[in-house]
Amino acid sequence: MIMQKAYRYRLYPTDEQRQQVTRIIGCCRFVWNRLLEYSSKSYRRRGESHSTFDLNNFIAHTLKPAFPWLSDAPAQTLQCVSADLGAAFKAFFRKDAAYPRFKRKHGLKKSFRIPQRGKVDADDNRIYVQGVGWVDAVIHRKPEGKLKNITVTVNPSGTVYASCLFDDGSEAPVPKMPESPRVLGVDLNLGRLAVCSDGTDYENPRTLRQHERRLKHLQRMLSKKKKGSENWKKLKHEIAALHEKIASIRKDAIHKMTKSIVCDSQADIIVIEDLNVSGMMRNHKLSKRIQDASFHEIRRQLEYKCLWHGKMLIAADRFFASSRTCHICSWHNDGLTLRDREWVCPECNTRHDRDRNAALNLESFGLMVLAGDAGEVKPPEMPTVDGRAAMHLRSMASVNEEKNRGCSPEASRLA
């Protein structure tokens, strides 16, 4: 598999360039909504489904003659809209996503993609965006390889970023397991963001809690302003900037943590749990903290960073009772609750830290995978980077044990 890396740069467009970016985003949103309406009506009335080629013809022969202002956007950008809509319909029919929705003018996500004629000038700190021109940027990292496409994103706070995808032409390194590979178990939780089996802990930054008082104050002030007024717009912008700051601090901490786990730990195999994050979010008492921890983002970064460095990532099944099982004598603690952060094994009299014990059990699970005793291999529930970056391993013994005890899925996820 060819390695592709994306570099995200901050753009500083002029007022005229910002207006042009807004026009292109508006054209893309308009074309998306019209194509979605056209495809939905065709399927509902005549049972017809349209390919990307058909949608491109509809743009060129129907939409552009009727709406000449669509020429403000590059033709390749509008073709990317039809390709994205086709991919959304394919994901819907695979039951991997919901039915595509119409886009609102004041939605949070505003972006467009340029597949050709983009340029990155690292010497002069500028990026050429087709339809906009040369835009000043901060090139903090010099890219390597051939530029494939540029995605321009406008955040609710007004900041503009360009995600540049480069292909360096090199193959992804294939994991080479030594005779005695080193396995590292990583347990994700809310107290400490990650606890590793080698004794390393990564503290949870809790960025939302740090800025929650300021955020509540701004939202309370916003509720007292007249909607649409200048003061209302200023507060909306300030709230959006604070949300962006919280997200940036959180993502920076996760990037540093995942890089340390993959590179500094010198582990050949990393084992994590396949957490049911959507099910955990149903707990209204912990949903805010779970969302702030960003477990899915941690897993996503571990997947592609293991791919980059030739490491193997294993996701243990969510029925694997990592916290309830003693890592020394394998005794199962049926009465363990979420509040019990420490417990004593009655068989071997070992005092366990809940999170450290889970990390050690995940390490043992990785060793069982190498020995072939962990069970069958499940296909990934979500597409990974290349199909081999993350392996989902299901222990049939643990599943049968949970079923025989009659444990509910909500109770088993706390294990």
Protein backbone atom coordinates (compact mmCIF):
# COMPACT_ATOMS: atom_id res chain seq x y z
CA MET A 1 0.00 0.00 0.00
CA ILE A 2 1.26 3.48 -0.95
CA MET A 3 1.84 5.83 1.96
CA GLN A 4 -0.19 9.03 1.93
CA LYS A 5 0.13 11.76 4.53
CA ALA A 6 -1.95 14.89 5.08
CA TYR A 7 -0.44 18.16 6.28
CA ARG A 8 -2.77 20.73 7.82
CA TYR A 9 -1.77 24.37 7.43
CA ARG A 10 -3.37 27.57 8.68
CA LEU A 11 -4.42 29.98 5.90
CA TYR A 12 -4.64 33.76 6.14
CA PRO A 13 -6.76 34.86 3.17
CA THR A 14 -7.52 38.46 2.34
CA ASP A 15 -11.07 39.79 2.52
CA GLU A 16 -11.53 39.25 -1.21
CA GLN A 17 -10.15 35.71 -1.01
CA ARG A 18 -12.36 34.95 1.98
CA GLN A 19 -15.42 36.04 -0.02
CA GLN A 20 -14.38 33.77 -2.88
CA VAL A 21 -13.96 30.84 -0.47
CA THR A 22 -17.45 31.52 0.86
CA ARG A 23 -18.86 31.54 -2.70
CA ILE A 24 -17.22 28.21 -3.54
CA ILE A 25 -18.56 26.65 -0.34
CA GLY A 26 -22.03 27.96 -1.19
CA CYS A 27 -21.83 26.47 -4.69
CA CYS A 28 -20.81 23.09 -3.27
CA ARG A 29 -23.63 23.14 -0.73
CA PHE A 30 -26.18 24.09 -3.43
CA VAL A 31 -24.97 21.32 -5.77
CA TRP A 32 -25.03 18.75 -2.94
CA ASN A 33 -28.64 19.58 -2.06
CA ARG A 34 -29.79 19.53 -5.70
CA LEU A 35 -28.03 16.23 -6.42
CA LEU A 36 -29.46 14.67 -3.27
CA GLU A 37 -32.96 15.82 -4.23
CA TYR A 38 -32.51 14.56 -7.80
CA SER A 39 -31.21 11.15 -6.68
CA SER A 40 -33.88 10.70 -4.01
CA LYS A 41 -36.77 11.56 -6.34
CA SER A 42 -35.42 9.35 -9.14
CA TYR A 43 -35.14 6.36 -6.82
CA ARG A 44 -38.48 6.95 -5.12
CA ARG A 45 -40.50 7.55 -8.31
CA ARG A 46 -38.84 5.30 -10.89
CA GLY A 47 -36.50 3.09 -8.89
CA GLU A 48 -33.47 4.51 -10.70
CA SER A 49 -30.04 4.92 -9.14
CA HIS A 50 -27.49 7.31 -10.62
CA SER A 51 -23.75 6.80 -10.86
CA THR A 52 -21.15 9.52 -10.34
CA PHE A 53 -20.92 9.92 -14.12
CA ASP A 54 -24.67 10.57 -14.32
CA LEU A 55 -24.49 13.14 -11.54
CA ASN A 56 -21.61 14.93 -13.28
CA ASN A 57 -23.70 15.13 -16.45
CA PHE A 58 -26.60 16.53 -14.45
CA ILE A 59 -24.29 19.26 -13.12
CA ALA A 60 -22.90 20.15 -16.55
CA HIS A 61 -26.09 19.99 -18.65
CA THR A 62 -28.82 20.95 -16.16
CA LEU A 63 -27.53 22.87 -13.15
CA LYS A 64 -24.87 25.07 -14.76
CA PRO A 65 -27.10 26.34 -17.63
CA ALA A 66 -29.89 27.10 -15.15
CA PHE A 67 -27.59 28.70 -12.55
CA PRO A 68 -24.66 30.45 -14.29
CA TRP A 69 -23.19 31.59 -10.95
CA LEU A 70 -22.05 28.00 -10.34
CA SER A 71 -19.07 28.85 -12.56
CA ASP A 72 -17.58 30.65 -9.52
CA ALA A 73 -16.50 27.22 -8.27
CA PRO A 74 -13.95 25.09 -10.17
CA ALA A 75 -15.47 22.24 -12.16
CA GLN A 76 -13.34 19.63 -10.38
CA THR A 77 -14.63 20.84 -7.01
CA LEU A 78 -18.25 20.28 -8.06
CA GLN A 79 -17.30 16.84 -9.39
CA CYS A 80 -15.88 16.03 -5.95
CA VAL A 81 -19.33 16.82 -4.52
CA SER A 82 -20.95 14.20 -6.75
CA ALA A 83 -18.24 11.69 -5.82
CA ASP A 84 -18.81 12.35 -2.10
CA LEU A 85 -22.57 11.91 -2.54
CA GLY A 86 -22.04 8.62 -4.35
CA ALA A 87 -19.78 7.42 -1.53
CA ALA A 88 -22.42 8.46 1.01
CA PHE A 89 -25.09 6.42 -0.77
CA LYS A 90 -22.80 3.39 -0.94
CA ALA A 91 -22.15 3.64 2.79
CA PHE A 92 -25.90 3.87 3.39
CA PHE A 93 -26.67 0.73 1.37
CA ARG A 94 -23.86 -1.09 3.19
CA LYS A 95 -25.62 -0.03 6.43
CA ASP A 96 -22.47 1.72 7.57
CA ALA A 97 -24.06 5.18 7.74
CA ALA A 98 -27.39 6.95 7.79
CA TYR A 99 -29.17 8.34 4.73
CA PRO A 100 -27.43 11.47 3.37
CA ARG A 101 -28.86 14.73 4.66
CA PHE A 102 -29.32 18.15 3.14
CA LYS A 103 -26.72 20.75 4.13
CA ARG A 104 -27.71 23.97 5.87
CA LYS A 105 -26.24 27.34 5.06
CA HIS A 106 -25.22 27.92 8.66
CA GLY A 107 -23.97 24.40 9.33
CA LEU A 108 -20.83 23.77 11.33
CA LYS A 109 -18.79 21.98 8.65
CA LYS A 110 -17.86 24.14 5.66
CA SER A 111 -15.28 22.80 3.25
CA PHE A 112 -14.47 22.06 -0.38
CA ARG A 113 -11.82 19.95 -2.10
CA ILE A 114 -9.49 20.82 -4.98
CA PRO A 115 -8.20 17.62 -6.66
CA GLN A 116 -5.92 19.32 -9.22
CA ARG A 117 -3.73 22.37 -9.83
CA GLY A 118 -2.89 22.93 -6.20
CA LYS A 119 0.56 24.07 -5.13
CA VAL A 120 2.39 24.39 -1.80
CA ASP A 121 5.24 26.90 -1.69
CA ALA A 122 7.10 26.18 1.54
CA ASP A 123 9.78 28.82 0.87
CA ASP A 124 7.38 31.76 0.60
CA ASN A 125 4.75 30.34 3.02
CA ARG A 126 1.84 30.30 0.60
CA ILE A 127 -0.57 27.80 -0.96
CA TYR A 128 -2.24 28.03 -4.36
CA VAL A 129 -5.92 27.13 -4.25
CA GLN A 130 -7.69 26.87 -7.58
CA GLY A 131 -10.41 29.49 -7.85
CA VAL A 132 -8.91 31.56 -5.03
CA GLY A 133 -5.26 32.09 -5.96
CA TRP A 134 -2.14 32.23 -3.82
CA VAL A 135 -3.09 32.39 -0.14
CA ASP A 136 -0.69 33.22 2.70
CA ALA A 137 -0.15 30.27 5.01
CA VAL A 138 2.04 29.03 7.86
CA ILE A 139 4.06 26.09 6.49
CA HIS A 140 5.32 24.69 9.79
CA ARG A 141 6.34 21.36 8.22
CA LYS A 142 7.82 20.94 4.77
CA PRO A 143 5.80 18.30 2.89
CA GLU A 144 7.33 15.41 0.98
CA GLY A 145 5.96 13.73 -2.12
CA LYS A 146 3.44 14.59 -4.80
CA LEU A 147 0.42 16.72 -3.96
CA LYS A 148 -2.83 14.80 -4.53
CA ASN A 149 -5.53 17.24 -3.37
CA ILE A 150 -6.24 20.18 -1.08
CA THR A 151 -9.24 20.44 1.25
CA VAL A 152 -10.05 23.95 2.45
CA THR A 153 -12.03 24.10 5.72
CA VAL A 154 -13.62 27.14 7.36
CA ASN A 155 -14.29 26.70 11.07
CA PRO A 156 -17.23 28.35 12.88
CA SER A 157 -14.76 30.77 14.47
CA GLY A 158 -13.73 32.00 11.01
CA THR A 159 -10.27 30.40 10.88
CA VAL A 160 -9.33 28.78 7.57
CA TYR A 161 -7.21 25.63 7.19
CA ALA A 162 -5.89 23.69 4.22
CA SER A 163 -5.38 19.93 4.48
CA CYS A 164 -2.88 18.93 1.80
CA LEU A 165 -2.66 15.22 0.94
CA PHE A 166 0.75 14.10 -0.31
CA ASP A 167 1.89 10.80 -1.81
CA ASP A 168 5.59 10.12 -1.26
CA GLY A 169 5.53 6.95 -3.38
CA SER A 170 6.86 4.69 -0.63
CA GLU A 171 5.16 1.51 0.51
CA ALA A 172 3.74 1.18 4.00
CA PRO A 173 6.13 -0.86 6.16
CA VAL A 174 4.98 -4.40 6.83
CA PRO A 175 5.08 -5.34 10.53
CA LYS A 176 8.02 -7.65 11.18
CA MET A 177 7.60 -9.57 14.39
CA PRO A 178 10.83 -10.65 16.15
CA GLU A 179 11.13 -13.99 17.86
CA SER A 180 10.10 -12.46 21.18
CA PRO A 181 7.90 -9.47 20.32
CA ARG A 182 7.14 -6.92 22.97
CA VAL A 183 3.42 -6.54 23.69
CA LEU A 184 1.97 -3.42 25.30
CA GLY A 185 -1.53 -3.34 26.79
CA VAL A 186 -3.25 0.06 26.86
CA ASP A 187 -6.36 0.60 28.97
CA LEU A 188 -8.40 3.74 28.20
CA ASN A 189 -10.47 5.25 31.00
CA LEU A 190 -11.71 8.57 32.35
CA GLY A 191 -9.54 9.05 35.44
CA ARG A 192 -6.22 8.57 33.72
CA LEU A 193 -6.63 8.82 29.98
CA ALA A 194 -4.42 5.80 29.31
CA VAL A 195 -2.74 3.26 31.58
CA CYS A 196 -0.09 1.03 30.00
CA SER A 197 1.06 -2.37 31.13
CA ASP A 198 4.69 -1.18 31.32
CA GLY A 199 3.82 1.20 34.18
CA THR A 200 3.37 4.38 32.12
CA ASP A 201 0.36 6.60 32.86
CA TYR A 202 -1.04 9.43 30.76
CA GLU A 203 -3.14 11.95 32.62
CA ASN A 204 -6.45 13.16 31.26
CA PRO A 205 -6.16 16.91 30.42
CA ARG A 206 -9.94 17.44 30.95
CA THR A 207 -9.91 20.45 28.65
CA LEU A 208 -13.67 20.92 28.76
CA ARG A 209 -13.70 21.11 32.57
CA GLN A 210 -10.94 23.72 32.55
CA HIS A 211 -12.91 26.08 30.30
CA GLU A 212 -16.45 25.05 31.25
CA ARG A 213 -17.07 28.01 33.57
CA ARG A 214 -16.04 30.51 30.89
CA LEU A 215 -18.14 28.68 28.31
CA LYS A 216 -21.23 28.73 30.53
CA HIS A 217 -20.77 32.43 31.18
CA LEU A 218 -20.60 33.24 27.46
CA GLN A 219 -23.61 31.08 26.65
CA ARG A 220 -25.62 32.74 29.44
CA MET A 221 -24.73 36.16 28.02
CA LEU A 222 -25.67 34.99 24.53
CA SER A 223 -29.13 33.96 25.67
CA LYS A 224 -29.80 37.56 26.78
CA LYS A 225 -28.84 39.12 23.44
CA LYS A 226 -31.20 39.76 20.58
CA LYS A 227 -30.71 37.10 17.93
CA GLY A 228 -29.03 38.52 14.84
CA SER A 229 -27.70 41.67 16.49
CA GLU A 230 -24.05 42.72 16.33
CA ASN A 231 -23.42 41.85 19.99
CA TRP A 232 -25.07 38.45 19.42
CA LYS A 233 -22.72 37.81 16.46
CA LYS A 234 -19.67 38.82 18.51
CA LEU A 235 -20.60 36.42 21.30
CA LYS A 236 -21.27 33.62 18.81
CA HIS A 237 -17.79 34.17 17.37
CA GLU A 238 -16.21 34.18 20.84
CA ILE A 239 -17.98 30.96 21.82
CA ALA A 240 -16.89 29.28 18.57
CA ALA A 241 -13.28 30.39 19.17
CA LEU A 242 -13.38 28.94 22.70
CA HIS A 243 -14.74 25.62 21.40
CA GLU A 244 -11.96 25.51 18.82
CA LYS A 245 -9.37 26.19 21.52
CA ILE A 246 -10.74 23.33 23.64
CA ALA A 247 -10.65 20.94 20.67
CA SER A 248 -7.10 21.99 19.75
CA ILE A 249 -5.77 21.43 23.29
CA ARG A 250 -7.48 18.04 23.46
CA LYS A 251 -6.16 16.90 20.07
CA ASP A 252 -2.62 18.09 20.88
CA ALA A 253 -2.59 16.04 24.10
CA ILE A 254 -3.88 12.96 22.26
CA HIS A 255 -1.26 13.34 19.51
CA LYS A 256 1.54 13.50 22.05
CA MET A 257 0.17 10.50 23.94
CA THR A 258 -0.32 8.27 20.88
CA LYS A 259 3.12 9.14 19.52
CA SER A 260 4.67 8.23 22.86
CA ILE A 261 2.78 4.92 22.93
CA VAL A 262 3.74 3.94 19.39
CA CYS A 263 7.31 5.29 19.19
CA ASP A 264 8.73 5.69 22.70
CA SER A 265 7.40 2.44 24.19
CA GLN A 266 9.39 0.30 21.68
CA ALA A 267 6.48 -2.16 21.59
CA ASP A 268 5.92 -4.37 18.54
CA ILE A 269 2.25 -5.06 19.30
CA ILE A 270 -0.20 -2.68 20.97
CA VAL A 271 -3.44 -4.07 22.43
CA ILE A 272 -6.49 -1.91 23.18
CA GLU A 273 -10.15 -2.59 23.91
CA ASP A 274 -12.93 -2.32 21.34
CA LEU A 275 -14.96 0.12 23.41
CA ASN A 276 -18.66 0.61 22.73
CA VAL A 277 -18.46 4.40 22.88
CA SER A 278 -22.00 4.96 21.56
CA GLY A 279 -23.37 2.69 24.29
CA MET A 280 -21.27 4.37 26.96
CA MET A 281 -22.60 7.77 25.88
CA ARG A 282 -26.11 6.69 26.98
CA ASN A 283 -24.98 7.13 30.58
CA HIS A 284 -26.05 10.75 31.10
CA LYS A 285 -23.85 11.06 34.19
CA LEU A 286 -20.64 10.25 32.30
CA SER A 287 -21.47 11.23 28.72
CA LYS A 288 -19.78 14.65 28.95
CA ARG A 289 -16.56 13.17 30.35
CA ILE A 290 -16.60 10.35 27.78
CA GLN A 291 -17.01 12.82 24.96
CA ASP A 292 -14.19 14.96 26.34
CA ALA A 293 -11.87 11.93 26.51
CA SER A 294 -12.26 11.25 22.74
CA PHE A 295 -11.73 7.48 22.80
CA HIS A 296 -12.51 7.15 19.09
CA GLU A 297 -9.89 9.78 18.18
CA ILE A 298 -7.29 7.94 20.28
CA ARG A 299 -8.01 4.70 18.45
CA ARG A 300 -7.96 6.42 15.04
CA GLN A 301 -4.55 7.94 15.71
CA LEU A 302 -3.16 4.66 17.02
CA GLU A 303 -4.31 2.90 13.85
CA TYR A 304 -2.55 5.10 11.33
CA LYS A 305 0.54 5.70 13.47
CA CYS A 306 1.01 1.95 13.89
CA LEU A 307 0.71 1.70 10.11
CA TRP A 308 3.38 4.37 9.60
CA HIS A 309 5.89 2.73 11.95
CA GLY A 310 5.28 -0.92 11.06
CA LYS A 311 3.60 -1.82 14.34
CA MET A 312 0.56 -4.07 14.85
CA LEU A 313 -2.57 -2.89 16.62
CA ILE A 314 -4.96 -5.43 18.15
CA ALA A 315 -8.43 -4.49 19.38
CA ALA A 316 -9.69 -6.98 21.95
CA ASP A 317 -13.39 -7.74 21.88
CA ARG A 318 -15.61 -5.60 24.11
CA PHE A 319 -16.77 -8.75 25.96
CA PHE A 320 -13.23 -9.41 27.13
CA ALA A 321 -13.40 -8.83 30.92
CA SER A 322 -10.09 -7.06 31.34
CA SER A 323 -10.90 -5.25 34.61
CA ARG A 324 -12.75 -8.10 36.33
CA THR A 325 -10.10 -10.79 35.81
CA CYS A 326 -7.07 -11.17 38.06
CA HIS A 327 -3.98 -11.07 35.83
CA ILE A 328 -2.13 -13.45 38.18
CA CYS A 329 -4.56 -16.31 38.90
CA SER A 330 -7.34 -15.49 36.37
CA TRP A 331 -10.05 -15.34 39.06
CA HIS A 332 -13.16 -13.52 37.86
CA ASN A 333 -14.66 -10.81 40.06
CA ASP A 334 -18.40 -10.80 39.35
CA GLY A 335 -19.18 -8.11 41.92
CA LEU A 336 -16.85 -5.44 40.55
CA THR A 337 -18.63 -2.13 39.94
CA LEU A 338 -17.56 1.00 38.15
CA ARG A 339 -16.87 2.78 41.46
CA ASP A 340 -14.39 0.11 42.61
CA ARG A 341 -11.01 1.47 41.53
CA GLU A 342 -9.10 -1.13 43.58
CA TRP A 343 -9.98 -4.67 44.62
CA VAL A 344 -8.33 -7.65 46.31
CA CYS A 345 -8.31 -11.10 44.73
CA PRO A 346 -9.52 -13.69 47.28
CA GLU A 347 -7.61 -16.49 45.56
CA CYS A 348 -4.08 -15.05 45.50
CA ASN A 349 -4.59 -12.08 47.91
CA THR A 350 -3.24 -9.64 45.33
CA ARG A 351 -4.37 -6.03 45.55
CA HIS A 352 -5.18 -4.73 42.09
CA ASP A 353 -5.41 -1.28 40.67
CA ARG A 354 -8.39 -1.60 38.33
CA ASP A 355 -6.82 0.17 35.35
CA ARG A 356 -3.36 -1.37 35.72
CA ASN A 357 -4.88 -4.82 36.03
CA ALA A 358 -6.87 -4.23 32.83
CA ALA A 359 -3.71 -3.17 30.97
CA LEU A 360 -1.86 -6.29 32.13
CA ASN A 361 -4.77 -8.49 31.03
CA LEU A 362 -4.72 -6.82 27.61
CA GLU A 363 -1.01 -7.58 27.38
CA SER A 364 -1.75 -11.22 28.19
CA PHE A 365 -4.45 -11.18 25.53
CA GLY A 366 -1.88 -10.02 22.99
CA LEU A 367 0.43 -12.89 23.97
CA MET A 368 -2.47 -15.32 23.51
CA VAL A 369 -3.02 -13.88 20.02
CA LEU A 370 0.58 -14.69 19.14
CA ALA A 371 0.11 -18.22 20.48
CA GLY A 372 -3.18 -18.62 18.58
CA ASP A 373 -5.29 -19.19 21.72
CA ALA A 374 -7.32 -15.96 21.73
CA GLY A 375 -10.22 -17.11 19.55
CA GLU A 376 -11.44 -16.27 16.10
CA VAL A 377 -10.63 -13.13 14.12
CA LYS A 378 -13.56 -10.81 13.47
CA PRO A 379 -13.68 -8.44 10.53
CA PRO A 380 -13.39 -4.80 11.59
CA GLU A 381 -16.66 -3.05 12.38
CA MET A 382 -15.38 0.13 10.73
CA PRO A 383 -12.94 0.49 7.80
CA THR A 384 -9.34 0.82 8.93
CA VAL A 385 -6.40 2.35 7.11
CA ASP A 386 -5.42 -0.68 5.08
CA GLY A 387 -7.35 -3.63 6.52
CA ARG A 388 -4.43 -4.91 8.56
CA ALA A 389 -3.60 -1.97 10.81
CA ALA A 390 -6.12 -3.12 13.43
CA MET A 391 -7.21 -6.69 14.09
CA HIS A 392 -10.39 -7.35 16.04
CA LEU A 393 -10.07 -10.55 18.02
CA ARG A 394 -13.06 -12.10 19.73
CA SER A 395 -12.63 -14.52 22.60
CA MET A 396 -15.54 -16.95 22.26
CA ALA A 397 -14.93 -18.27 25.76
CA SER A 398 -15.46 -14.82 27.27
CA VAL A 399 -18.63 -14.28 25.21
CA ASN A 400 -20.13 -17.59 26.26
CA GLU A 401 -19.20 -16.87 29.86
CA GLU A 402 -21.04 -13.54 29.74
CA LYS A 403 -24.09 -15.14 28.14
CA ASN A 404 -24.23 -17.96 30.65
CA ARG A 405 -24.19 -15.51 33.54
CA GLY A 406 -26.97 -13.51 31.86
CA CYS A 407 -25.09 -10.21 31.97
CA SER A 408 -26.62 -7.35 30.03
CA PRO A 409 -24.58 -5.48 27.40
CA GLU A 410 -24.63 -2.39 29.58
CA ALA A 411 -23.14 -4.34 32.47
CA SER A 412 -20.55 -6.05 30.33
CA ARG A 413 -19.23 -2.80 28.92
CA LEU A 414 -18.19 -1.74 32.42
CA ALA A 415 -15.81 -4.68 32.66
